C-alpha atoms as a PDB file:
ATOM      1  CA  MET A   1      -0.111  -0.134   0.081  1.00  0.00           C
ATOM      2  CA  LEU A   2       1.228   3.411  -0.634  1.00  0.00           C
ATOM      3  CA  GLY A   3       2.127   5.522   2.370  1.00  0.00           C
ATOM      4  CA  ARG A   4      -0.386   8.450   1.633  1.00  0.00           C
ATOM      5  CA  THR A   5      -3.017   5.738   1.411  1.00  0.00           C
ATOM      6  CA  ALA A   6      -2.103   4.196   4.748  1.00  0.00           C
ATOM      7  CA  ALA A   7      -1.864   7.630   6.046  1.00  0.00           C
ATOM      8  CA  GLY A   8      -5.284   8.465   4.868  1.00  0.00           C
ATOM      9  CA  LEU A   9      -7.043   5.255   6.313  1.00  0.00           C
ATOM     10  CA  PHE A  10      -5.009   6.082   9.695  1.00  0.00           C
ATOM     11  CA  TRP A  11      -6.091   9.724  10.224  1.00  0.00           C
ATOM     12  CA  LEU A  12      -9.729   8.851   8.744  1.00  0.00           C
ATOM     13  CA  THR A  13     -10.234   6.881  11.972  1.00  0.00           C
ATOM     14  CA  ARG A  14      -8.399   9.149  14.351  1.00  0.00           C
ATOM     15  CA  TYR A  15     -10.403  11.972  13.261  1.00  0.00           C
ATOM     16  CA  MET A  16     -13.586  10.042  13.529  1.00  0.00           C
ATOM     17  CA  GLU A  17     -12.399   8.890  17.138  1.00  0.00           C
ATOM     18  CA  ARG A  18     -11.467  12.636  17.818  1.00  0.00           C
ATOM     19  CA  ALA A  19     -14.784  13.992  17.159  1.00  0.00           C
ATOM     20  CA  GLU A  20     -16.690  11.514  19.150  1.00  0.00           C
ATOM     21  CA  ASN A  21     -14.265  12.228  22.148  1.00  0.00           C
ATOM     22  CA  THR A  22     -14.480  15.723  21.985  1.00  0.00           C
ATOM     23  CA  ALA A  23     -18.532  15.144  22.095  1.00  0.00           C
ATOM     24  CA  ARG A  24     -17.893  13.126  25.222  1.00  0.00           C
ATOM     25  CA  LEU A  25     -15.909  15.749  26.853  1.00  0.00           C
ATOM     26  CA  ALA A  26     -18.509  18.123  26.130  1.00  0.00           C
ATOM     27  CA  GLU A  27     -21.032  16.139  27.939  1.00  0.00           C
ATOM     28  CA  ALA A  28     -18.558  15.401  30.650  1.00  0.00           C
ATOM     29  CA  GLY A  29     -18.384  19.041  31.265  1.00  0.00           C
ATOM     30  CA  PHE A  30     -21.990  19.788  31.035  1.00  0.00           C
ATOM     31  CA  ARG A  31     -22.672  17.174  33.499  1.00  0.00           C
ATOM     32  CA  MET A  32     -19.789  17.921  36.035  1.00  0.00           C
ATOM     33  CA  ALA A  33     -21.020  21.709  35.630  1.00  0.00           C
ATOM     34  CA  LEU A  34     -24.422  20.430  37.094  1.00  0.00           C
ATOM     35  CA  THR A  35     -23.013  19.160  40.287  1.00  0.00           C
ATOM     36  CA  ARG A  36     -21.723  22.659  41.154  1.00  0.00           C
ATOM     37  CA  ALA A  37     -24.135  25.622  42.723  1.00  0.00           C
ATOM     38  CA  GLU A  38     -21.638  27.982  42.058  1.00  0.00           C
ATOM     39  CA  SER A  39     -19.558  29.164  39.269  1.00  0.00           C
ATOM     40  CA  ASN A  40     -18.533  26.227  36.960  1.00  0.00           C
ATOM     41  CA  THR A  41     -15.613  28.087  35.145  1.00  0.00           C
ATOM     42  CA  GLU A  42     -13.078  25.228  36.371  1.00  0.00           C
ATOM     43  CA  GLU A  43     -15.222  22.381  34.712  1.00  0.00           C
ATOM     44  CA  TRP A  44     -15.261  24.064  31.457  1.00  0.00           C
ATOM     45  CA  GLY A  45     -11.577  25.484  31.701  1.00  0.00           C
ATOM     46  CA  SER A  46     -10.822  21.701  32.227  1.00  0.00           C
ATOM     47  CA  VAL A  47     -12.549  20.481  29.309  1.00  0.00           C
ATOM     48  CA  ILE A  48     -10.605  22.755  26.703  1.00  0.00           C
ATOM     49  CA  THR A  49      -7.734  21.868  28.453  1.00  0.00           C
ATOM     50  CA  THR A  50      -8.280  18.206  28.113  1.00  0.00           C
ATOM     51  CA  ALA A  51      -9.121  18.712  24.570  1.00  0.00           C
ATOM     52  CA  GLY A  52      -5.969  20.414  24.030  1.00  0.00           C
ATOM     53  CA  CYS A  53      -7.160  23.685  22.474  1.00  0.00           C
ATOM     54  CA  GLN A  54      -7.080  25.815  25.687  1.00  0.00           C
ATOM     55  CA  GLN A  55      -4.627  28.296  24.292  1.00  0.00           C
ATOM     56  CA  ALA A  56      -6.643  28.499  20.924  1.00  0.00           C
ATOM     57  CA  TYR A  57      -9.717  29.048  22.600  1.00  0.00           C
ATOM     58  CA  LEU A  58      -8.107  31.902  24.839  1.00  0.00           C
ATOM     59  CA  GLU A  59      -6.915  33.662  21.787  1.00  0.00           C
ATOM     60  CA  LYS A  60     -10.427  33.697  20.482  1.00  0.00           C
ATOM     61  CA  HIS A  61     -12.158  34.598  23.918  1.00  0.00           C
ATOM     62  CA  GLU A  62     -11.285  36.448  26.633  1.00  0.00           C
ATOM     63  CA  THR A  63     -13.503  34.589  29.179  1.00  0.00           C
ATOM     64  CA  ILE A  64     -14.232  31.211  29.853  1.00  0.00           C
ATOM     65  CA  ARG A  65     -18.096  30.459  29.359  1.00  0.00           C
ATOM     66  CA  SER A  66     -20.087  27.609  28.808  1.00  0.00           C
ATOM     67  CA  GLU A  67     -21.878  28.512  25.731  1.00  0.00           C
ATOM     68  CA  LYS A  68     -18.814  29.804  24.025  1.00  0.00           C
ATOM     69  CA  ILE A  69     -16.735  26.772  24.670  1.00  0.00           C
ATOM     70  CA  LEU A  70     -19.304  24.432  23.496  1.00  0.00           C
ATOM     71  CA  ASP A  71     -19.514  26.428  20.088  1.00  0.00           C
ATOM     72  CA  PHE A  72     -15.759  26.146  20.039  1.00  0.00           C
ATOM     73  CA  LEU A  73     -15.783  22.510  20.713  1.00  0.00           C
ATOM     74  CA  LEU A  74     -18.700  21.577  18.595  1.00  0.00           C
ATOM     75  CA  ARG A  75     -18.752  23.745  15.478  1.00  0.00           C
ATOM     76  CA  ASP A  76     -16.055  26.279  15.461  1.00  0.00           C
ATOM     77  CA  LYS A  77     -14.207  25.764  11.764  1.00  0.00           C
ATOM     78  CA  GLU A  78     -11.139  27.474  13.152  1.00  0.00           C
ATOM     79  CA  ASN A  79     -10.658  24.843  15.907  1.00  0.00           C
ATOM     80  CA  PRO A  80      -9.057  21.580  14.217  1.00  0.00           C
ATOM     81  CA  ASN A  81     -10.312  19.564  17.293  1.00  0.00           C
ATOM     82  CA  SER A  82     -14.015  20.512  17.032  1.00  0.00           C
ATOM     83  CA  VAL A  83     -16.574  17.883  16.272  1.00  0.00           C
ATOM     84  CA  LEU A  84     -17.450  19.655  12.976  1.00  0.00           C
ATOM     85  CA  CYS A  85     -14.028  19.604  11.698  1.00  0.00           C
ATOM     86  CA  GLY A  86     -13.279  16.132  12.937  1.00  0.00           C
ATOM     87  CA  PHE A  87     -16.047  14.816  10.765  1.00  0.00           C
ATOM     88  CA  HIS A  88     -14.997  17.009   7.962  1.00  0.00           C
ATOM     89  CA  ALA A  89     -11.546  15.747   7.894  1.00  0.00           C
ATOM     90  CA  ALA A  90     -12.557  11.875   8.150  1.00  0.00           C
ATOM     91  CA  ARG A  91     -14.785  12.724   5.294  1.00  0.00           C
ATOM     92  CA  GLU A  92     -12.084  14.206   3.279  1.00  0.00           C
ATOM     93  CA  ASN A  93      -9.512  11.372   4.231  1.00  0.00           C
ATOM     94  CA  ALA A  94     -12.396   8.488   3.273  1.00  0.00           C
ATOM     95  CA  ARG A  95     -12.719  10.643  -0.074  1.00  0.00           C
ATOM     96  CA  MET A  96      -9.023  10.415  -0.651  1.00  0.00           C
ATOM     97  CA  THR A  97      -8.906   6.852  -0.016  1.00  0.00           C
ATOM     98  CA  ARG A  98     -12.344   5.735  -1.441  1.00  0.00           C
ATOM     99  CA  THR A  99     -11.156   2.805  -3.566  1.00  0.00           C
ATOM    100  CA  ALA A 100      -9.717   1.318  -0.225  1.00  0.00           C
ATOM    101  CA  LEU A 101     -13.068   1.415   1.366  1.00  0.00           C
ATOM    102  CA  THR A 102     -16.325  -0.673   0.842  1.00  0.00           C
ATOM    103  CA  ARG A 103     -19.303   1.173  -0.353  1.00  0.00           C
ATOM    104  CA  GLU A 104     -21.050   0.663   3.080  1.00  0.00           C
ATOM    105  CA  VAL A 105     -18.180   2.524   4.753  1.00  0.00           C
ATOM    106  CA  TRP A 106     -18.027   5.352   2.125  1.00  0.00           C
ATOM    107  CA  GLU A 107     -21.710   6.086   2.567  1.00  0.00           C
ATOM    108  CA  ALA A 108     -21.719   5.709   6.620  1.00  0.00           C
ATOM    109  CA  ILE A 109     -18.839   8.362   6.736  1.00  0.00           C
ATOM    110  CA  ASN A 110     -20.546  10.570   4.133  1.00  0.00           C
ATOM    111  CA  ASP A 111     -23.998  10.184   5.885  1.00  0.00           C
ATOM    112  CA  ALA A 112     -22.337  11.101   9.219  1.00  0.00           C
ATOM    113  CA  TRP A 113     -20.451  14.064   8.096  1.00  0.00           C
ATOM    114  CA  MET A 114     -23.921  15.458   6.455  1.00  0.00           C
ATOM    115  CA  SER A 115     -25.916  14.669   9.547  1.00  0.00           C
ATOM    116  CA  VAL A 116     -23.400  16.428  11.941  1.00  0.00           C
ATOM    117  CA  ARG A 117     -22.994  19.245   9.681  1.00  0.00           C
ATOM    118  CA  ASP A 118     -26.851  19.877   9.484  1.00  0.00           C
ATOM    119  CA  ALA A 119     -27.049  19.568  13.114  1.00  0.00           C
ATOM    120  CA  LEU A 120     -24.189  22.008  13.897  1.00  0.00           C
ATOM    121  CA  ARG A 121     -25.626  24.707  11.499  1.00  0.00           C
ATOM    122  CA  ARG A 122     -26.331  27.004  14.095  1.00  0.00           C
ATOM    123  CA  PRO A 123     -24.831  27.022  17.835  1.00  0.00           C
ATOM    124  CA  VAL A 124     -26.357  24.333  20.134  1.00  0.00           C
ATOM    125  CA  SER A 125     -28.314  25.369  23.168  1.00  0.00           C
ATOM    126  CA  GLU A 126     -27.729  23.676  26.468  1.00  0.00           C
ATOM    127  CA  ARG A 127     -31.208  22.214  26.065  1.00  0.00           C
ATOM    128  CA  ASP A 128     -30.561  20.783  22.647  1.00  0.00           C
ATOM    129  CA  LEU A 129     -27.151  19.530  23.603  1.00  0.00           C
ATOM    130  CA  PRO A 130     -27.838  16.120  24.810  1.00  0.00           C
ATOM    131  CA  GLU A 131     -29.774  15.148  21.507  1.00  0.00           C
ATOM    132  CA  VAL A 132     -26.875  16.460  19.454  1.00  0.00           C
ATOM    133  CA  LEU A 133     -24.267  14.665  21.340  1.00  0.00           C
ATOM    134  CA  SER A 134     -26.181  11.680  20.977  1.00  0.00           C
ATOM    135  CA  LEU A 135     -26.388  11.948  17.421  1.00  0.00           C
ATOM    136  CA  VAL A 136     -22.344  12.319  17.067  1.00  0.00           C
ATOM    137  CA  ARG A 137     -22.105   9.228  19.266  1.00  0.00           C
ATOM    138  CA  GLY A 138     -24.530   7.291  16.972  1.00  0.00           C
ATOM    139  CA  GLN A 139     -23.069   8.427  13.636  1.00  0.00           C
ATOM    140  CA  GLY A 140     -19.603   7.423  14.850  1.00  0.00           C
ATOM    141  CA  ALA A 141     -20.990   3.813  15.970  1.00  0.00           C
ATOM    142  CA  GLN A 142     -22.628   3.753  12.567  1.00  0.00           C
ATOM    143  CA  VAL A 143     -19.340   4.080  10.978  1.00  0.00           C
ATOM    144  CA  ARG A 144     -17.408   1.612  12.981  1.00  0.00           C
ATOM    145  CA  GLY A 145     -20.254  -0.726  12.463  1.00  0.00           C
ATOM    146  CA  ALA A 146     -19.849  -0.524   8.650  1.00  0.00           C
ATOM    147  CA  VAL A 147     -16.020  -0.885   9.118  1.00  0.00           C
ATOM    148  CA  THR A 148     -16.263  -3.886  11.380  1.00  0.00           C
ATOM    149  CA  GLY A 149     -18.911  -5.453   9.318  1.00  0.00           C
ATOM    150  CA  THR A 150     -17.905  -4.840   5.656  1.00  0.00           C
ATOM    151  CA  MET A 151     -13.960  -4.520   5.334  1.00  0.00           C
ATOM    152  CA  LEU A 152     -11.522  -7.163   4.645  1.00  0.00           C
ATOM    153  CA  ARG A 153      -9.271  -8.044   7.816  1.00  0.00           C
ATOM    154  CA  ASN A 154      -6.245  -6.751   5.663  1.00  0.00           C
ATOM    155  CA  ASP A 155      -3.621  -3.880   6.032  1.00  0.00           C
ATOM    156  CA  ILE A 156      -6.379  -1.368   5.233  1.00  0.00           C
ATOM    157  CA  TYR A 157      -8.270  -2.741   8.228  1.00  0.00           C
ATOM    158  CA  ASN A 158      -5.177  -2.860  10.366  1.00  0.00           C
ATOM    159  CA  PHE A 159      -4.119   0.842   9.790  1.00  0.00           C
ATOM    160  CA  MET A 160      -7.716   2.014  10.488  1.00  0.00           C
ATOM    161  CA  GLN A 161      -7.836   0.242  13.541  1.00  0.00           C
ATOM    162  CA  ILE A 162      -4.576   1.370  14.916  1.00  0.00           C
ATOM    163  CA  GLY A 163      -5.689   5.009  14.049  1.00  0.00           C
ATOM    164  CA  THR A 164      -8.602   4.614  16.265  1.00  0.00           C
ATOM    165  CA  LEU A 165      -6.818   2.792  19.280  1.00  0.00           C
ATOM    166  CA  VAL A 166      -3.892   5.504  19.463  1.00  0.00           C
ATOM    167  CA  GLU A 167      -6.403   8.342  19.322  1.00  0.00           C
ATOM    168  CA  ARG A 168      -8.690   6.497  22.204  1.00  0.00           C
ATOM    169  CA  ALA A 169      -5.791   5.814  24.269  1.00  0.00           C
ATOM    170  CA  ASP A 170      -4.860   9.637  24.146  1.00  0.00           C
ATOM    171  CA  ASN A 171      -8.382  10.733  24.979  1.00  0.00           C
ATOM    172  CA  THR A 172      -8.827   8.124  27.778  1.00  0.00           C
ATOM    173  CA  SER A 173      -5.360   9.434  29.453  1.00  0.00           C
ATOM    174  CA  ARG A 174      -6.364  12.867  29.043  1.00  0.00           C
ATOM    175  CA  ILE A 175      -9.606  12.788  30.783  1.00  0.00           C
ATOM    176  CA  LEU A 176      -8.133  11.048  33.769  1.00  0.00           C
ATOM    177  CA  ASP A 177      -5.491  13.630  33.965  1.00  0.00           C
ATOM    178  CA  ALA A 178      -7.784  16.655  33.932  1.00  0.00           C
ATOM    179  CA  LYS A 179     -10.027  15.019  36.343  1.00  0.00           C
ATOM    180  CA  TYR A 180      -7.075  14.367  38.984  1.00  0.00           C
ATOM    181  CA  TYR A 181      -5.506  17.797  38.679  1.00  0.00           C
ATOM    182  CA  VAL A 182      -8.081  20.340  37.288  1.00  0.00           C
ATOM    183  CA  LEU A 183     -11.613  19.496  38.253  1.00  0.00           C
ATOM    184  CA  LEU A 184     -11.558  19.082  41.773  1.00  0.00           C
ATOM    185  CA  PRO A 185     -12.220  22.937  43.473  1.00  0.00           C
ATOM    186  CA  SER A 186      -9.722  22.069  46.381  1.00  0.00           C
ATOM    187  CA  SER A 187      -7.961  19.084  48.015  1.00  0.00           C
ATOM    188  CA  SER A 188     -10.578  19.119  50.697  1.00  0.00           C
ATOM    189  CA  SER A 189     -13.052  17.828  48.190  1.00  0.00           C
ATOM    190  CA  ILE A 190     -11.302  14.425  47.556  1.00  0.00           C
ATOM    191  CA  GLY A 191     -13.417  11.733  48.718  1.00  0.00           C
ATOM    192  CA  SER A 192     -16.630  13.582  49.159  1.00  0.00           C
ATOM    193  CA  SER A 193     -19.651  13.243  47.412  1.00  0.00           C
ATOM    194  CA  LEU A 194     -18.887  15.956  44.941  1.00  0.00           C
ATOM    195  CA  ASP A 195     -15.556  14.270  44.164  1.00  0.00           C
ATOM    196  CA  ASN A 196     -17.220  10.866  43.615  1.00  0.00           C
ATOM    197  CA  VAL A 197     -20.181  12.463  41.281  1.00  0.00           C
ATOM    198  CA  GLN A 198     -17.123  13.446  39.108  1.00  0.00           C
ATOM    199  CA  TRP A 199     -15.491  10.481  39.094  1.00  0.00           C
ATOM    200  CA  GLU A 200     -18.780   8.916  37.715  1.00  0.00           C
ATOM    201  CA  MET A 201     -18.910  11.416  35.122  1.00  0.00           C
ATOM    202  CA  ILE A 202     -15.450  10.469  33.877  1.00  0.00           C
ATOM    203  CA  LEU A 203     -16.817   6.739  33.645  1.00  0.00           C
ATOM    204  CA  ARG A 204     -19.845   8.265  31.516  1.00  0.00           C
ATOM    205  CA  SER A 205     -17.416   9.996  29.266  1.00  0.00           C
ATOM    206  CA  ALA A 206     -15.729   6.664  28.462  1.00  0.00           C
ATOM    207  CA  SER A 207     -18.847   4.933  28.112  1.00  0.00           C
ATOM    208  CA  ALA A 208     -17.848   2.753  31.133  1.00  0.00           C
ATOM    209  CA  GLU A 209     -20.100   3.596  33.686  1.00  0.00           C
ATOM    210  CA  ARG A 210     -22.370   0.473  33.165  1.00  0.00           C
ATOM    211  CA  SER A 211     -19.337  -1.845  32.802  1.00  0.00           C
ATOM    212  CA  PHE A 212     -17.933  -0.553  36.016  1.00  0.00           C
ATOM    213  CA  TYR A 213     -20.801  -1.395  37.975  1.00  0.00           C
ATOM    214  CA  TRP A 214     -21.230  -4.688  36.594  1.00  0.00           C
ATOM    215  CA  LEU A 215     -17.631  -5.597  37.997  1.00  0.00           C
ATOM    216  CA  ASN A 216     -17.554  -3.652  41.120  1.00  0.00           C
ATOM    217  CA  GLY A 217     -21.262  -3.180  42.392  1.00  0.00           C
ATOM    218  CA  GLY A 218     -21.945   0.086  44.104  1.00  0.00           C
ATOM    219  CA  THR A 219     -18.434   0.530  45.119  1.00  0.00           C
ATOM    220  CA  VAL A 220     -17.071   3.898  43.461  1.00  0.00           C
ATOM    221  CA  SER A 221     -13.604   5.217  44.341  1.00  0.00           C
ATOM    222  CA  PRO A 222     -10.911   6.976  42.433  1.00  0.00           C
ATOM    223  CA  PRO A 223      -8.489   4.263  42.613  1.00  0.00           C
ATOM    224  CA  ALA A 224     -11.041   1.573  41.298  1.00  0.00           C
ATOM    225  CA  ILE A 225     -12.125   3.639  38.528  1.00  0.00           C
ATOM    226  CA  ALA A 226      -8.745   4.685  37.715  1.00  0.00           C
ATOM    227  CA  ASP A 227      -7.759   1.139  37.488  1.00  0.00           C
ATOM    228  CA  PHE A 228     -10.509   0.003  35.414  1.00  0.00           C
ATOM    229  CA  LEU A 229      -9.806   2.914  33.077  1.00  0.00           C
ATOM    230  CA  ILE A 230      -6.078   2.116  32.807  1.00  0.00           C
ATOM    231  CA  PHE A 231      -5.516  -1.565  33.134  1.00  0.00           C
ATOM    232  CA  ASP A 232      -8.553  -3.601  32.769  1.00  0.00           C
ATOM    233  CA  ALA A 233      -8.190  -5.141  29.426  1.00  0.00           C
ATOM    234  CA  ARG A 234     -11.757  -6.177  28.947  1.00  0.00           C
ATOM    235  CA  LEU A 235     -12.798  -2.371  28.711  1.00  0.00           C
ATOM    236  CA  PRO A 236     -12.258  -1.102  24.948  1.00  0.00           C
ATOM    237  CA  ARG A 237     -11.528   2.338  26.054  1.00  0.00           C
ATOM    238  CA  SER A 238      -8.875   1.392  28.733  1.00  0.00           C
ATOM    239  CA  LEU A 239      -5.138   2.006  27.930  1.00  0.00           C
ATOM    240  CA  ALA A 240      -4.246  -1.791  28.398  1.00  0.00           C
ATOM    241  CA  PHE A 241      -6.811  -2.769  25.909  1.00  0.00           C
ATOM    242  CA  CYS A 242      -5.833  -0.056  23.268  1.00  0.00           C
ATOM    243  CA  TYR A 243      -2.196  -1.196  23.594  1.00  0.00           C
ATOM    244  CA  ASP A 244      -3.160  -5.024  23.624  1.00  0.00           C
ATOM    245  CA  MET A 245      -4.846  -4.488  20.377  1.00  0.00           C
ATOM    246  CA  ILE A 246      -2.399  -2.065  18.890  1.00  0.00           C
ATOM    247  CA  THR A 247       0.400  -4.598  19.199  1.00  0.00           C
ATOM    248  CA  GLU A 248      -2.206  -7.250  17.710  1.00  0.00           C
ATOM    249  CA  TYR A 249      -2.687  -5.285  14.596  1.00  0.00           C
ATOM    250  CA  LEU A 250       1.085  -4.506  14.249  1.00  0.00           C
ATOM    251  CA  GLY A 251       1.862  -8.214  14.203  1.00  0.00           C
ATOM    252  CA  ARG A 252      -0.654  -8.685  11.374  1.00  0.00           C
ATOM    253  CA  LEU A 253       1.060  -5.764   9.466  1.00  0.00           C
ATOM    254  CA  ALA A 254       4.393  -7.627  10.243  1.00  0.00           C
ATOM    255  CA  GLU A 255       3.234 -10.756   8.652  1.00  0.00           C
ATOM    256  CA  GLU A 256       1.675  -8.939   5.697  1.00  0.00           C
ATOM    257  CA  TYR A 257       4.876  -6.712   5.023  1.00  0.00           C
ATOM    258  CA  GLY A 258       7.616  -9.256   6.068  1.00  0.00           C
ATOM    259  CA  GLY A 259       8.768  -7.766   9.075  1.00  0.00           C
ATOM    260  CA  SER A 260       8.556  -5.304  12.404  1.00  0.00           C
ATOM    261  CA  THR A 261       9.469  -2.067  12.549  1.00  0.00           C
ATOM    262  CA  PRO A 262      10.566   0.496  15.186  1.00  0.00           C
ATOM    263  CA  ALA A 263       6.836   1.287  15.885  1.00  0.00           C
ATOM    264  CA  HIS A 264       6.496  -2.214  16.845  1.00  0.00           C
ATOM    265  CA  GLU A 265       9.005  -1.881  19.705  1.00  0.00           C
ATOM    266  CA  LEU A 266       7.533   1.013  21.171  1.00  0.00           C
ATOM    267  CA  ALA A 267       4.127  -0.288  21.099  1.00  0.00           C
ATOM    268  CA  ILE A 268       5.372  -3.725  22.751  1.00  0.00           C
ATOM    269  CA  ARG A 269       7.311  -1.534  25.091  1.00  0.00           C
ATOM    270  CA  GLN A 270       4.293   0.536  26.316  1.00  0.00           C
ATOM    271  CA  GLU A 271       2.230  -2.643  26.587  1.00  0.00           C
ATOM    272  CA  ASN A 272       4.741  -4.350  28.766  1.00  0.00           C
ATOM    273  CA  ARG A 273       4.837  -1.192  30.910  1.00  0.00           C
ATOM    274  CA  LEU A 274       1.222  -1.608  31.307  1.00  0.00           C
ATOM    275  CA  THR A 275       1.618  -5.175  32.241  1.00  0.00           C
ATOM    276  CA  ALA A 276       4.127  -4.291  34.755  1.00  0.00           C
ATOM    277  CA  LEU A 277       2.469  -1.810  36.909  1.00  0.00           C
ATOM    278  CA  ASN A 278      -0.699  -1.839  38.912  1.00  0.00           C
ATOM    279  CA  ILE A 279      -2.930   1.000  40.398  1.00  0.00           C
ATOM    280  CA  ALA A 280      -0.881   0.910  43.715  1.00  0.00           C
ATOM    281  CA  LEU A 281       2.299   1.788  41.939  1.00  0.00           C
ATOM    282  CA  VAL A 282       0.616   4.479  39.601  1.00  0.00           C
ATOM    283  CA  PHE A 283      -0.541   6.278  42.671  1.00  0.00           C
ATOM    284  CA  GLU A 284       2.903   5.909  44.239  1.00  0.00           C
ATOM    285  CA  GLU A 285       4.461   7.262  41.131  1.00  0.00           C
ATOM    286  CA  GLY A 286       1.696   9.855  40.872  1.00  0.00           C
ATOM    287  CA  LEU A 287      -1.173   9.484  38.428  1.00  0.00           C
ATOM    288  CA  HIS A 288      -0.517  13.014  36.501  1.00  0.00           C
ATOM    289  CA  GLU A 289       3.261  11.851  36.142  1.00  0.00           C
ATOM    290  CA  PHE A 290       2.140   8.332  35.060  1.00  0.00           C
ATOM    291  CA  LEU A 291      -0.325   9.731  32.490  1.00  0.00           C
ATOM    292  CA  THR A 292       1.909  12.466  31.200  1.00  0.00           C
ATOM    293  CA  SER A 293       4.537   9.881  30.409  1.00  0.00           C
ATOM    294  CA  PHE A 294       1.949   7.495  28.895  1.00  0.00           C
ATOM    295  CA  MET A 295       0.717  10.475  26.609  1.00  0.00           C
ATOM    296  CA  ALA A 296       4.292  11.359  25.321  1.00  0.00           C
ATOM    297  CA  GLN A 297       4.897   7.841  24.548  1.00  0.00           C
ATOM    298  CA  ASN A 298       1.855   7.298  22.773  1.00  0.00           C
ATOM    299  CA  ALA A 299       2.465  10.368  20.677  1.00  0.00           C
ATOM    300  CA  ALA A 300       5.880   8.968  19.996  1.00  0.00           C
ATOM    301  CA  PHE A 301       4.401   5.655  18.635  1.00  0.00           C
ATOM    302  CA  SER A 302       2.207   7.535  16.302  1.00  0.00           C
ATOM    303  CA  ALA A 303       4.992   9.541  15.100  1.00  0.00           C
ATOM    304  CA  GLN A 304       7.045   6.450  14.768  1.00  0.00           C
ATOM    305  CA  ILE A 305       4.402   4.394  12.780  1.00  0.00           C
ATOM    306  CA  GLU A 306       4.111   7.523  10.217  1.00  0.00           C
ATOM    307  CA  THR A 307       7.866   7.214   9.856  1.00  0.00           C
ATOM    308  CA  ASP A 308       8.078   3.672   9.300  1.00  0.00           C
ATOM    309  CA  TYR A 309       5.197   3.232   6.873  1.00  0.00           C
ATOM    310  CA  ARG A 310       6.225   6.130   4.888  1.00  0.00           C
ATOM    311  CA  PHE A 311       2.872   8.463   5.289  1.00  0.00           C
ATOM    312  CA  ASN A 312       4.433  11.424   3.776  1.00  0.00           C
ATOM    313  CA  GLU A 313       5.011   9.753   0.720  1.00  0.00           C
END
């Protein structure tokens, strides 16, 4: 496969995942803000920090206001991380690699773009926000379903899945990091009912709330939730699951292309690190420090796979 085709497939699914993740962050910020009777500036500030666009937002807006942040995250064409831009970029990458996609996948992506574009023609009110975010998640699910149900399990599929998983791992680690260091109003809130409600919102933003309760009953604690989102390989959005599957898809690429690359080594190193640690050791090291290191290594892996498979050619 040509490097630019592999790049288009890799970034197609990354943009789709990023758009859906941005929608999940917006929902988490909205729900967390509802837990406070006073100003919700910290919650919304943490949301744009987690989305990686705080500086871009502040360059455009002088104050942190929920309606402006929602508009910036959902439909601002100058914000490359917005939902609207994510779906548009995914559609453009799909158009460039259309011959590598099944008709069903192309139609699902095209339909997703048109549906989201129409829903975001005007600013979204808080009253309409749940319905719009549900639409975004639903369109993303339809694209994933078309990919899973109709694509050959070849190098095309492998690059698409790796793109999804790299983006997903980055998002889960960002959500956890923002919660632990930004969302709490003060250290006195740790362990309080407010703290627990906010941690539960983190589970919701990762579509992991029901799964967590299936496994843990009514017990809610920050270490248990962090452990679930980092180490439980049964959860599709956990860091462990993402790198277990990344190494599997890289193994398939190695078989197809006749050898592994430096990206394989980075992924295996990341997977081994997750296997060797547990939540007690992570909290002893510091959750923020662990997540910062993980995100840096995840970014390094993404850059390496682009180099190894000549995405720029």
